Amino acid sequence: MSTPKTKQAAGITERWNGLGLWARIGVSAGALIILLGIGVLVARLLTGLDPVKDFMATYPGESELPAGAPVGIPAWLGWQHFLNMFFIFLIIRSGWAVRTTKRPAAHWIRNNKGLVKTKGNPTKISLDLWFHLTLDALWVLNGIVFIIVLFATGQWMRIVPTSWDVFPNAISAGLQYLSLDWPTDNGWVNYNGLQLLTYFITVFIAAPLAIATGLRMSGAWPKNAATLNKVYPIQAARALHFPVMIYFVAFIVVHVTLVLATGALRNLNHMYASSDAVNWWGFGIFAASLVVIAAAWFLAQPLFLRPVASLMGKVTK
């Protein structure tokens, strides 16, 4: 039996679902801005209290790096950053298309010949899903190279916590960001605690979760492994995969906003020009990378994907 509260909640849900996509995005953005405004006021109030001032004096925002930690951002990391950004944007685009497209413009079937053969007929998937899985494979390959070089060069010390004081320093940095009194930015030498934890979560938790859940939902997963499928059901993968994508979107929005708001030229030089100077080189390379990504975004449609996909299988309408 439904209660008045249940009926009210159902009515709110119905009205929310009745709004268009952009209307819902607008309402959500407005609510987020209000919450951020409240957060700023609370943070400014807290940072004015003496105990909080003492806490922030003890934990200014960044932890001391281990001895021998590298200084600066090498060129290989800049290339890795670009490739990761390139793949992530297209993965989000293709993943959203897979999730929302009801009638795919084309389907793809793998050629059941060559070194790898399957019993029975190969699975037919949408062209959007083929593109998504292909991008996933390239992103994983790029990630493997990144992890290997990261640990081989010692750059891991910049994004892996090595002391417990990273947590109070992260809280301190968060209060500084939220109060709009930016923490001292010195990313060329050391990230603050909040940056360090965020990069660690993105590289070592969110990325593996995206891979593990995506693999579970792909055709490469063994369908007849009853015990394995019981331990790791596909429903669990589906429940996690979309929130992980939302995390990456949120990370990109916040990351780009802070890069531009805390010294754009210097920050862009760090990542794109491997330099700590303040000039326009990094910005120019960054702008060129956006043009490349925009071109790839435009070309990621059936008209241009069909010829490429047909090299690896059969494309049907």
C-alpha atoms as a PDB file:
ATOM      1  CA  MET A   1       0.000   0.000   0.000  1.00  0.00           C
ATOM      2  CA  SER A   2       1.454   3.343  -1.023  1.00  0.00           C
ATOM      3  CA  THR A   3       1.812   6.156   1.470  1.00  0.00           C
ATOM      4  CA  PRO A   4       1.523   9.916   0.799  1.00  0.00           C
ATOM      5  CA  LYS A   5       5.321  10.176   0.944  1.00  0.00           C
ATOM      6  CA  THR A   6       5.681   7.355  -1.583  1.00  0.00           C
ATOM      7  CA  LYS A   7       3.205   9.039  -3.929  1.00  0.00           C
ATOM      8  CA  GLN A   8       5.011  12.363  -3.533  1.00  0.00           C
ATOM      9  CA  ALA A   9       8.373  10.769  -4.335  1.00  0.00           C
ATOM     10  CA  ALA A  10       6.867   9.018  -7.362  1.00  0.00           C
ATOM     11  CA  GLY A  11       5.442  12.342  -8.543  1.00  0.00           C
ATOM     12  CA  ILE A  12       8.806  14.062  -8.232  1.00  0.00           C
ATOM     13  CA  THR A  13      10.485  11.224 -10.138  1.00  0.00           C
ATOM     14  CA  GLU A  14       7.851  11.412 -12.884  1.00  0.00           C
ATOM     15  CA  ARG A  15       8.241  15.169 -13.264  1.00  0.00           C
ATOM     16  CA  TRP A  16      12.047  14.800 -13.327  1.00  0.00           C
ATOM     17  CA  ASN A  17      11.898  12.109 -16.019  1.00  0.00           C
ATOM     18  CA  GLY A  18       9.506  14.306 -17.980  1.00  0.00           C
ATOM     19  CA  LEU A  19      12.142  17.006 -18.354  1.00  0.00           C
ATOM     20  CA  GLY A  20      14.352  16.977 -21.423  1.00  0.00           C
ATOM     21  CA  LEU A  21      18.003  15.981 -21.180  1.00  0.00           C
ATOM     22  CA  TRP A  22      19.317  19.536 -21.344  1.00  0.00           C
ATOM     23  CA  ALA A  23      16.721  20.717 -18.842  1.00  0.00           C
ATOM     24  CA  ARG A  24      17.868  18.045 -16.387  1.00  0.00           C
ATOM     25  CA  ILE A  25      21.483  19.000 -16.980  1.00  0.00           C
ATOM     26  CA  GLY A  26      20.610  22.653 -16.359  1.00  0.00           C
ATOM     27  CA  VAL A  27      18.759  21.868 -13.121  1.00  0.00           C
ATOM     28  CA  SER A  28      21.636  19.653 -11.935  1.00  0.00           C
ATOM     29  CA  ALA A  29      24.205  22.346 -12.791  1.00  0.00           C
ATOM     30  CA  GLY A  30      22.179  24.973 -10.929  1.00  0.00           C
ATOM     31  CA  ALA A  31      21.917  22.745  -7.855  1.00  0.00           C
ATOM     32  CA  LEU A  32      25.661  22.056  -8.018  1.00  0.00           C
ATOM     33  CA  ILE A  33      26.459  25.786  -8.172  1.00  0.00           C
ATOM     34  CA  ILE A  34      24.278  26.430  -5.119  1.00  0.00           C
ATOM     35  CA  LEU A  35      25.979  23.610  -3.198  1.00  0.00           C
ATOM     36  CA  LEU A  36      29.409  24.940  -4.171  1.00  0.00           C
ATOM     37  CA  GLY A  37      28.412  28.415  -3.002  1.00  0.00           C
ATOM     38  CA  ILE A  38      27.352  27.001   0.362  1.00  0.00           C
ATOM     39  CA  GLY A  39      30.594  25.008   0.521  1.00  0.00           C
ATOM     40  CA  VAL A  40      32.667  28.158  -0.106  1.00  0.00           C
ATOM     41  CA  LEU A  41      30.897  30.023   2.704  1.00  0.00           C
ATOM     42  CA  VAL A  42      31.389  27.112   5.136  1.00  0.00           C
ATOM     43  CA  ALA A  43      35.065  26.738   4.145  1.00  0.00           C
ATOM     44  CA  ARG A  44      35.747  30.447   4.626  1.00  0.00           C
ATOM     45  CA  LEU A  45      34.072  30.294   8.016  1.00  0.00           C
ATOM     46  CA  LEU A  46      36.124  27.275   9.083  1.00  0.00           C
ATOM     47  CA  THR A  47      39.464  28.662   7.866  1.00  0.00           C
ATOM     48  CA  GLY A  48      38.890  31.730  10.026  1.00  0.00           C
ATOM     49  CA  LEU A  49      38.796  29.654  13.240  1.00  0.00           C
ATOM     50  CA  ASP A  50      42.006  29.445  15.292  1.00  0.00           C
ATOM     51  CA  PRO A  51      42.054  25.614  15.617  1.00  0.00           C
ATOM     52  CA  VAL A  52      41.694  25.279  11.852  1.00  0.00           C
ATOM     53  CA  LYS A  53      44.422  27.883  11.310  1.00  0.00           C
ATOM     54  CA  ASP A  54      46.728  25.856  13.557  1.00  0.00           C
ATOM     55  CA  PHE A  55      45.839  22.661  11.673  1.00  0.00           C
ATOM     56  CA  MET A  56      46.613  24.286   8.315  1.00  0.00           C
ATOM     57  CA  ALA A  57      49.888  25.674   9.656  1.00  0.00           C
ATOM     58  CA  THR A  58      50.923  22.153  10.697  1.00  0.00           C
ATOM     59  CA  TYR A  59      49.693  20.638   7.430  1.00  0.00           C
ATOM     60  CA  PRO A  60      50.142  23.296   4.707  1.00  0.00           C
ATOM     61  CA  GLY A  61      48.860  21.023   1.940  1.00  0.00           C
ATOM     62  CA  GLU A  62      51.719  18.936   0.593  1.00  0.00           C
ATOM     63  CA  SER A  63      53.740  16.016   1.939  1.00  0.00           C
ATOM     64  CA  GLU A  64      57.497  15.714   1.659  1.00  0.00           C
ATOM     65  CA  LEU A  65      58.586  13.500  -1.238  1.00  0.00           C
ATOM     66  CA  PRO A  66      60.939  10.535  -0.702  1.00  0.00           C
ATOM     67  CA  ALA A  67      64.636  11.108  -1.221  1.00  0.00           C
ATOM     68  CA  GLY A  68      65.576  10.735  -4.871  1.00  0.00           C
ATOM     69  CA  ALA A  69      62.157  11.717  -6.215  1.00  0.00           C
ATOM     70  CA  PRO A  70      62.490  13.147  -9.733  1.00  0.00           C
ATOM     71  CA  VAL A  71      61.920  16.840 -10.382  1.00  0.00           C
ATOM     72  CA  GLY A  72      59.986  18.024 -13.392  1.00  0.00           C
ATOM     73  CA  ILE A  73      57.740  16.375 -15.958  1.00  0.00           C
ATOM     74  CA  PRO A  74      59.586  14.581 -18.799  1.00  0.00           C
ATOM     75  CA  ALA A  75      58.459  14.653 -22.426  1.00  0.00           C
ATOM     76  CA  TRP A  76      57.303  11.006 -22.400  1.00  0.00           C
ATOM     77  CA  LEU A  77      54.800  11.868 -19.664  1.00  0.00           C
ATOM     78  CA  GLY A  78      53.447  14.700 -21.790  1.00  0.00           C
ATOM     79  CA  TRP A  79      52.885  12.314 -24.701  1.00  0.00           C
ATOM     80  CA  GLN A  80      51.253   9.803 -22.386  1.00  0.00           C
ATOM     81  CA  HIS A  81      49.003  12.536 -21.033  1.00  0.00           C
ATOM     82  CA  PHE A  82      47.895  13.529 -24.538  1.00  0.00           C
ATOM     83  CA  LEU A  83      47.234   9.936 -25.643  1.00  0.00           C
ATOM     84  CA  ASN A  84      45.336   9.204 -22.446  1.00  0.00           C
ATOM     85  CA  MET A  85      43.224  12.335 -22.913  1.00  0.00           C
ATOM     86  CA  PHE A  86      42.637  11.471 -26.590  1.00  0.00           C
ATOM     87  CA  PHE A  87      41.434   7.943 -25.822  1.00  0.00           C
ATOM     88  CA  ILE A  88      39.389   8.920 -22.759  1.00  0.00           C
ATOM     89  CA  PHE A  89      37.389  11.554 -24.652  1.00  0.00           C
ATOM     90  CA  LEU A  90      36.565   9.127 -27.458  1.00  0.00           C
ATOM     91  CA  ILE A  91      35.849   6.290 -25.011  1.00  0.00           C
ATOM     92  CA  ILE A  92      33.335   8.515 -23.195  1.00  0.00           C
ATOM     93  CA  ARG A  93      31.788   9.523 -26.525  1.00  0.00           C
ATOM     94  CA  SER A  94      31.485   5.955 -27.817  1.00  0.00           C
ATOM     95  CA  GLY A  95      30.364   4.606 -24.433  1.00  0.00           C
ATOM     96  CA  TRP A  96      27.582   7.169 -24.253  1.00  0.00           C
ATOM     97  CA  ALA A  97      26.544   6.232 -27.802  1.00  0.00           C
ATOM     98  CA  VAL A  98      26.423   2.531 -26.832  1.00  0.00           C
ATOM     99  CA  ARG A  99      24.300   3.377 -23.788  1.00  0.00           C
ATOM    100  CA  THR A 100      21.815   5.711 -25.506  1.00  0.00           C
ATOM    101  CA  THR A 101      21.537   4.554 -29.151  1.00  0.00           C
ATOM    102  CA  LYS A 102      18.487   2.319 -29.594  1.00  0.00           C
ATOM    103  CA  ARG A 103      18.918   1.624 -33.310  1.00  0.00           C
ATOM    104  CA  PRO A 104      22.601   1.434 -34.291  1.00  0.00           C
ATOM    105  CA  ALA A 105      23.420   2.675 -37.782  1.00  0.00           C
ATOM    106  CA  ALA A 106      25.579  -0.389 -38.439  1.00  0.00           C
ATOM    107  CA  HIS A 107      26.795  -3.645 -36.901  1.00  0.00           C
ATOM    108  CA  TRP A 108      30.141  -5.384 -36.941  1.00  0.00           C
ATOM    109  CA  ILE A 109      30.932  -9.106 -37.055  1.00  0.00           C
ATOM    110  CA  ARG A 110      34.448 -10.398 -36.559  1.00  0.00           C
ATOM    111  CA  ASN A 111      35.884 -12.552 -39.320  1.00  0.00           C
ATOM    112  CA  ASN A 112      35.995 -16.085 -37.918  1.00  0.00           C
ATOM    113  CA  LYS A 113      39.301 -16.930 -39.515  1.00  0.00           C
ATOM    114  CA  GLY A 114      42.993 -16.447 -39.006  1.00  0.00           C
ATOM    115  CA  LEU A 115      44.891 -17.202 -35.819  1.00  0.00           C
ATOM    116  CA  VAL A 116      41.915 -16.794 -33.494  1.00  0.00           C
ATOM    117  CA  LYS A 117      38.733 -18.741 -34.199  1.00  0.00           C
ATOM    118  CA  THR A 118      35.569 -19.207 -32.210  1.00  0.00           C
ATOM    119  CA  LYS A 119      33.081 -22.052 -32.190  1.00  0.00           C
ATOM    120  CA  GLY A 120      29.783 -21.256 -33.848  1.00  0.00           C
ATOM    121  CA  ASN A 121      28.912 -17.901 -35.334  1.00  0.00           C
ATOM    122  CA  PRO A 122      30.848 -14.806 -34.196  1.00  0.00           C
ATOM    123  CA  THR A 123      28.854 -12.337 -32.084  1.00  0.00           C
ATOM    124  CA  LYS A 124      27.352  -9.378 -33.913  1.00  0.00           C
ATOM    125  CA  ILE A 125      27.826  -6.077 -32.102  1.00  0.00           C
ATOM    126  CA  SER A 126      26.965  -2.488 -32.939  1.00  0.00           C
ATOM    127  CA  LEU A 127      29.558  -0.365 -34.711  1.00  0.00           C
ATOM    128  CA  ASP A 128      29.553   1.961 -31.698  1.00  0.00           C
ATOM    129  CA  LEU A 129      30.445  -0.953 -29.410  1.00  0.00           C
ATOM    130  CA  TRP A 130      33.201  -2.088 -31.794  1.00  0.00           C
ATOM    131  CA  PHE A 131      34.664   1.429 -31.707  1.00  0.00           C
ATOM    132  CA  HIS A 132      34.342   1.549 -27.917  1.00  0.00           C
ATOM    133  CA  LEU A 133      36.118  -1.796 -27.457  1.00  0.00           C
ATOM    134  CA  THR A 134      38.868  -0.882 -29.933  1.00  0.00           C
ATOM    135  CA  LEU A 135      39.517   2.361 -28.075  1.00  0.00           C
ATOM    136  CA  ASP A 136      39.507   0.441 -24.791  1.00  0.00           C
ATOM    137  CA  ALA A 137      42.225  -1.882 -26.090  1.00  0.00           C
ATOM    138  CA  LEU A 138      44.394   1.050 -27.225  1.00  0.00           C
ATOM    139  CA  TRP A 139      43.817   2.863 -23.909  1.00  0.00           C
ATOM    140  CA  VAL A 140      44.835  -0.232 -21.933  1.00  0.00           C
ATOM    141  CA  LEU A 141      47.960  -0.650 -24.076  1.00  0.00           C
ATOM    142  CA  ASN A 142      48.865   2.988 -23.486  1.00  0.00           C
ATOM    143  CA  GLY A 143      48.219   2.497 -19.757  1.00  0.00           C
ATOM    144  CA  ILE A 144      50.533  -0.520 -19.579  1.00  0.00           C
ATOM    145  CA  VAL A 145      53.335   1.483 -21.182  1.00  0.00           C
ATOM    146  CA  PHE A 146      52.621   4.352 -18.774  1.00  0.00           C
ATOM    147  CA  ILE A 147      52.783   2.154 -15.660  1.00  0.00           C
ATOM    148  CA  ILE A 148      56.019   0.464 -16.774  1.00  0.00           C
ATOM    149  CA  VAL A 149      57.800   3.751 -17.508  1.00  0.00           C
ATOM    150  CA  LEU A 150      56.299   5.399 -14.415  1.00  0.00           C
ATOM    151  CA  PHE A 151      57.961   2.883 -12.092  1.00  0.00           C
ATOM    152  CA  ALA A 152      61.128   2.603 -14.184  1.00  0.00           C
ATOM    153  CA  THR A 153      61.810   6.357 -13.936  1.00  0.00           C
ATOM    154  CA  GLY A 154      60.736   6.923 -10.319  1.00  0.00           C
ATOM    155  CA  GLN A 155      57.881   9.208 -11.358  1.00  0.00           C
ATOM    156  CA  TRP A 156      55.561   6.962  -9.325  1.00  0.00           C
ATOM    157  CA  MET A 157      56.772   8.751  -6.158  1.00  0.00           C
ATOM    158  CA  ARG A 158      54.911  11.865  -7.295  1.00  0.00           C
ATOM    159  CA  ILE A 159      51.462  10.191  -7.425  1.00  0.00           C
ATOM    160  CA  VAL A 160      51.677   7.346  -4.887  1.00  0.00           C
ATOM    161  CA  PRO A 161      51.246   8.245  -1.171  1.00  0.00           C
ATOM    162  CA  THR A 162      54.374   7.366   0.819  1.00  0.00           C
ATOM    163  CA  SER A 163      53.390   8.806   4.228  1.00  0.00           C
ATOM    164  CA  TRP A 164      50.189   9.045   6.277  1.00  0.00           C
ATOM    165  CA  ASP A 165      50.334  12.836   6.505  1.00  0.00           C
ATOM    166  CA  VAL A 166      49.061  12.971   2.938  1.00  0.00           C
ATOM    167  CA  PHE A 167      45.521  12.716   4.331  1.00  0.00           C
ATOM    168  CA  PRO A 168      45.561  15.758   6.654  1.00  0.00           C
ATOM    169  CA  ASN A 169      47.461  17.641   3.949  1.00  0.00           C
ATOM    170  CA  ALA A 170      44.741  16.709   1.456  1.00  0.00           C
ATOM    171  CA  ILE A 171      42.084  18.044   3.851  1.00  0.00           C
ATOM    172  CA  SER A 172      44.081  21.251   4.241  1.00  0.00           C
ATOM    173  CA  ALA A 173      44.454  21.646   0.460  1.00  0.00           C
ATOM    174  CA  GLY A 174      40.732  20.953   0.014  1.00  0.00           C
ATOM    175  CA  LEU A 175      39.816  23.690   2.504  1.00  0.00           C
ATOM    176  CA  GLN A 176      42.133  26.098   0.693  1.00  0.00           C
ATOM    177  CA  TYR A 177      40.582  25.301  -2.677  1.00  0.00           C
ATOM    178  CA  LEU A 178      37.036  25.517  -1.358  1.00  0.00           C
ATOM    179  CA  SER A 179      37.663  28.813   0.445  1.00  0.00           C
ATOM    180  CA  LEU A 180      39.043  30.171  -2.885  1.00  0.00           C
ATOM    181  CA  ASP A 181      42.395  30.818  -1.200  1.00  0.00           C
ATOM    182  CA  TRP A 182      44.332  28.563  -3.565  1.00  0.00           C
ATOM    183  CA  PRO A 183      47.120  26.414  -2.069  1.00  0.00           C
ATOM    184  CA  THR A 184      50.638  27.149  -3.279  1.00  0.00           C
ATOM    185  CA  ASP A 185      50.970  25.393  -6.622  1.00  0.00           C
ATOM    186  CA  ASN A 186      54.331  23.834  -7.428  1.00  0.00           C
ATOM    187  CA  GLY A 187      53.396  20.882  -9.608  1.00  0.00           C
ATOM    188  CA  TRP A 188      56.794  20.921 -11.303  1.00  0.00           C
ATOM    189  CA  VAL A 189      58.342  19.703  -8.037  1.00  0.00           C
ATOM    190  CA  ASN A 190      55.531  18.265  -5.910  1.00  0.00           C
ATOM    191  CA  TYR A 191      51.743  17.908  -5.973  1.00  0.00           C
ATOM    192  CA  ASN A 192      49.654  18.867  -2.968  1.00  0.00           C
ATOM    193  CA  GLY A 193      47.982  16.106  -0.952  1.00  0.00           C
ATOM    194  CA  LEU A 194      44.612  16.423  -2.668  1.00  0.00           C
ATOM    195  CA  GLN A 195      46.149  16.291  -6.134  1.00  0.00           C
ATOM    196  CA  LEU A 196      48.291  13.301  -5.165  1.00  0.00           C
ATOM    197  CA  LEU A 197      45.341  11.301  -3.807  1.00  0.00           C
ATOM    198  CA  THR A 198      43.180  12.199  -6.804  1.00  0.00           C
ATOM    199  CA  TYR A 199      45.847  11.122  -9.301  1.00  0.00           C
ATOM    200  CA  PHE A 200      46.440   7.930  -7.328  1.00  0.00           C
ATOM    201  CA  ILE A 201      42.707   7.083  -7.300  1.00  0.00           C
ATOM    202  CA  THR A 202      42.405   7.852 -11.023  1.00  0.00           C
ATOM    203  CA  VAL A 203      45.417   5.776 -12.111  1.00  0.00           C
ATOM    204  CA  PHE A 204      45.351   2.871  -9.665  1.00  0.00           C
ATOM    205  CA  ILE A 205      41.642   2.518  -8.751  1.00  0.00           C
ATOM    206  CA  ALA A 206      39.307   4.134 -11.311  1.00  0.00           C
ATOM    207  CA  ALA A 207      41.241   2.970 -14.392  1.00  0.00           C
ATOM    208  CA  PRO A 208      41.503  -0.685 -13.251  1.00  0.00           C
ATOM    209  CA  LEU A 209      37.790  -0.614 -12.323  1.00  0.00           C
ATOM    210  CA  ALA A 210      36.937   0.667 -15.800  1.00  0.00           C
ATOM    211  CA  ILE A 211      39.011  -2.119 -17.355  1.00  0.00           C
ATOM    212  CA  ALA A 212      37.665  -4.897 -15.097  1.00  0.00           C
ATOM    213  CA  THR A 213      34.016  -3.914 -15.548  1.00  0.00           C
ATOM    214  CA  GLY A 214      34.406  -3.308 -19.268  1.00  0.00           C
ATOM    215  CA  LEU A 215      36.088  -6.685 -19.750  1.00  0.00           C
ATOM    216  CA  ARG A 216      33.270  -8.411 -17.846  1.00  0.00           C
ATOM    217  CA  MET A 217      30.684  -6.915 -20.196  1.00  0.00           C
ATOM    218  CA  SER A 218      32.656  -7.609 -23.380  1.00  0.00           C
ATOM    219  CA  GLY A 219      32.429 -10.616 -25.663  1.00  0.00           C
ATOM    220  CA  ALA A 220      35.944 -11.650 -24.600  1.00  0.00           C
ATOM    221  CA  TRP A 221      34.645 -12.751 -21.188  1.00  0.00           C
ATOM    222  CA  PRO A 222      34.221 -16.566 -20.926  1.00  0.00           C
ATOM    223  CA  LYS A 223      30.447 -17.105 -20.907  1.00  0.00           C
ATOM    224  CA  ASN A 224      30.636 -20.761 -19.843  1.00  0.00           C
ATOM    225  CA  ALA A 225      32.755 -20.182 -16.718  1.00  0.00           C
ATOM    226  CA  ALA A 226      29.877 -20.733 -14.286  1.00  0.00           C
ATOM    227  CA  THR A 227      31.855 -20.326 -11.047  1.00  0.00           C
ATOM    228  CA  LEU A 228      33.662 -17.215 -12.265  1.00  0.00           C
ATOM    229  CA  ASN A 229      30.429 -15.664 -13.513  1.00  0.00           C
ATOM    230  CA  LYS A 230      28.754 -16.384 -10.177  1.00  0.00           C
ATOM    231  CA  VAL A 231      31.587 -14.737  -8.243  1.00  0.00           C
ATOM    232  CA  TYR A 232      31.648 -11.756 -10.612  1.00  0.00           C
ATOM    233  CA  PRO A 233      28.143 -11.337 -12.094  1.00  0.00           C
ATOM    234  CA  ILE A 234      27.635  -9.074 -15.079  1.00  0.00           C
ATOM    235  CA  GLN A 235      25.062  -7.039 -13.111  1.00  0.00           C
ATOM    236  CA  ALA A 236      27.835  -5.922 -10.741  1.00  0.00           C
ATOM    237  CA  ALA A 237      29.990  -4.822 -13.670  1.00  0.00           C
ATOM    238  CA  ARG A 238      27.133  -2.848 -15.213  1.00  0.00           C
ATOM    239  CA  ALA A 239      26.353  -1.198 -11.879  1.00  0.00           C
ATOM    240  CA  LEU A 240      29.964   0.013 -11.566  1.00  0.00           C
ATOM    241  CA  HIS A 241      30.940   0.814 -15.150  1.00  0.00           C
ATOM    242  CA  PHE A 242      28.714   3.867 -15.680  1.00  0.00           C
ATOM    243  CA  PRO A 243      29.581   5.541 -12.310  1.00  0.00           C
ATOM    244  CA  VAL A 244      33.268   5.087 -13.157  1.00  0.00           C
ATOM    245  CA  MET A 245      32.648   6.951 -16.422  1.00  0.00           C
ATOM    246  CA  ILE A 246      30.920   9.729 -14.454  1.00  0.00           C
ATOM    247  CA  TYR A 247      33.988   9.873 -12.185  1.00  0.00           C
ATOM    248  CA  PHE A 248      36.267  10.375 -15.203  1.00  0.00           C
ATOM    249  CA  VAL A 249      34.005  13.125 -16.562  1.00  0.00           C
ATOM    250  CA  ALA A 250      33.997  14.893 -13.171  1.00  0.00           C
ATOM    251  CA  PHE A 251      37.770  14.482 -12.886  1.00  0.00           C
ATOM    252  CA  ILE A 252      38.317  16.021 -16.337  1.00  0.00           C
ATOM    253  CA  VAL A 253      36.051  19.009 -15.581  1.00  0.00           C
ATOM    254  CA  VAL A 254      37.681  19.767 -12.201  1.00  0.00           C
ATOM    255  CA  HIS A 255      41.203  19.039 -13.455  1.00  0.00           C
ATOM    256  CA  VAL A 256      40.946  21.335 -16.493  1.00  0.00           C
ATOM    257  CA  THR A 257      39.258  24.070 -14.434  1.00  0.00           C
ATOM    258  CA  LEU A 258      42.035  24.085 -11.836  1.00  0.00           C
ATOM    259  CA  VAL A 259      44.784  23.894 -14.467  1.00  0.00           C
ATOM    260  CA  LEU A 260      43.401  27.049 -16.098  1.00  0.00           C
ATOM    261  CA  ALA A 261      42.608  28.829 -12.811  1.00  0.00           C
ATOM    262  CA  THR A 262      45.907  28.272 -10.998  1.00  0.00           C
ATOM    263  CA  GLY A 263      48.391  29.550 -13.580  1.00  0.00           C
ATOM    264  CA  ALA A 264      47.359  28.317 -17.013  1.00  0.00           C
ATOM    265  CA  LEU A 265      50.538  29.093 -18.961  1.00  0.00           C
ATOM    266  CA  ARG A 266      52.867  27.555 -16.406  1.00  0.00           C
ATOM    267  CA  ASN A 267      50.675  24.476 -15.854  1.00  0.00           C
ATOM    268  CA  LEU A 268      50.267  23.851 -19.576  1.00  0.00           C
ATOM    269  CA  ASN A 269      54.016  24.246 -20.062  1.00  0.00           C
ATOM    270  CA  HIS A 270      54.594  21.581 -17.400  1.00  0.00           C
ATOM    271  CA  MET A 271      52.532  18.988 -19.203  1.00  0.00           C
ATOM    272  CA  TYR A 272      52.885  19.895 -22.862  1.00  0.00           C
ATOM    273  CA  ALA A 273      56.319  21.531 -23.161  1.00  0.00           C
ATOM    274  CA  SER A 274      58.220  19.793 -20.310  1.00  0.00           C
ATOM    275  CA  SER A 275      59.253  23.203 -19.027  1.00  0.00           C
ATOM    276  CA  ASP A 276      58.761  25.268 -15.872  1.00  0.00           C
ATOM    277  CA  ALA A 277      58.890  28.526 -17.828  1.00  0.00           C
ATOM    278  CA  VAL A 278      55.941  30.859 -18.249  1.00  0.00           C
ATOM    279  CA  ASN A 279      55.404  31.306 -21.992  1.00  0.00           C
ATOM    280  CA  TRP A 280      52.915  30.332 -24.692  1.00  0.00           C
ATOM    281  CA  TRP A 281      54.560  27.119 -25.962  1.00  0.00           C
ATOM    282  CA  GLY A 282      52.542  24.779 -23.750  1.00  0.00           C
ATOM    283  CA  PHE A 283      49.323  26.608 -24.544  1.00  0.00           C
ATOM    284  CA  GLY A 284      50.002  26.328 -28.285  1.00  0.00           C
ATOM    285  CA  ILE A 285      50.628  22.583 -28.075  1.00  0.00           C
ATOM    286  CA  PHE A 286      47.541  22.190 -25.874  1.00  0.00           C
ATOM    287  CA  ALA A 287      45.420  24.103 -28.410  1.00  0.00           C
ATOM    288  CA  ALA A 288      46.737  21.899 -31.234  1.00  0.00           C
ATOM    289  CA  SER A 289      45.881  18.770 -29.206  1.00  0.00           C
ATOM    290  CA  LEU A 290      42.309  20.045 -28.786  1.00  0.00           C
ATOM    291  CA  VAL A 291      42.048  20.445 -32.575  1.00  0.00           C
ATOM    292  CA  VAL A 292      43.186  16.827 -33.028  1.00  0.00           C
ATOM    293  CA  ILE A 293      40.665  15.586 -30.449  1.00  0.00           C
ATOM    294  CA  ALA A 294      37.859  17.666 -31.995  1.00  0.00           C
ATOM    295  CA  ALA A 295      38.666  16.239 -35.446  1.00  0.00           C
ATOM    296  CA  ALA A 296      38.631  12.689 -34.066  1.00  0.00           C
ATOM    297  CA  TRP A 297      35.339  13.412 -32.273  1.00  0.00           C
ATOM    298  CA  PHE A 298      33.798  14.554 -35.591  1.00  0.00           C
ATOM    299  CA  LEU A 299      35.180  11.588 -37.533  1.00  0.00           C
ATOM    300  CA  ALA A 300      33.881   9.085 -34.950  1.00  0.00           C
ATOM    301  CA  GLN A 301      30.659   8.429 -36.860  1.00  0.00           C
ATOM    302  CA  PRO A 302      29.499   5.499 -39.017  1.00  0.00           C
ATOM    303  CA  LEU A 303      30.428   7.133 -42.335  1.00  0.00           C
ATOM    304  CA  PHE A 304      34.110   7.188 -41.372  1.00  0.00           C
ATOM    305  CA  LEU A 305      34.180   4.212 -39.003  1.00  0.00           C
ATOM    306  CA  ARG A 306      32.795   1.681 -41.503  1.00  0.00           C
ATOM    307  CA  PRO A 307      35.914   1.516 -43.753  1.00  0.00           C
ATOM    308  CA  VAL A 308      38.190   1.030 -40.744  1.00  0.00           C
ATOM    309  CA  ALA A 309      35.954  -1.535 -39.055  1.00  0.00           C
ATOM    310  CA  SER A 310      35.655  -3.485 -42.326  1.00  0.00           C
ATOM    311  CA  LEU A 311      39.411  -4.151 -42.206  1.00  0.00           C
ATOM    312  CA  MET A 312      38.854  -6.243 -39.068  1.00  0.00           C
ATOM    313  CA  GLY A 313      35.512  -7.825 -39.839  1.00  0.00           C
ATOM    314  CA  LYS A 314      32.263  -7.474 -41.712  1.00  0.00           C
ATOM    315  CA  VAL A 315      30.129  -4.335 -41.369  1.00  0.00           C
ATOM    316  CA  THR A 316      26.397  -4.605 -41.985  1.00  0.00           C
ATOM    317  CA  LYS A 317      23.625  -2.046 -41.859  1.00  0.00           C
END
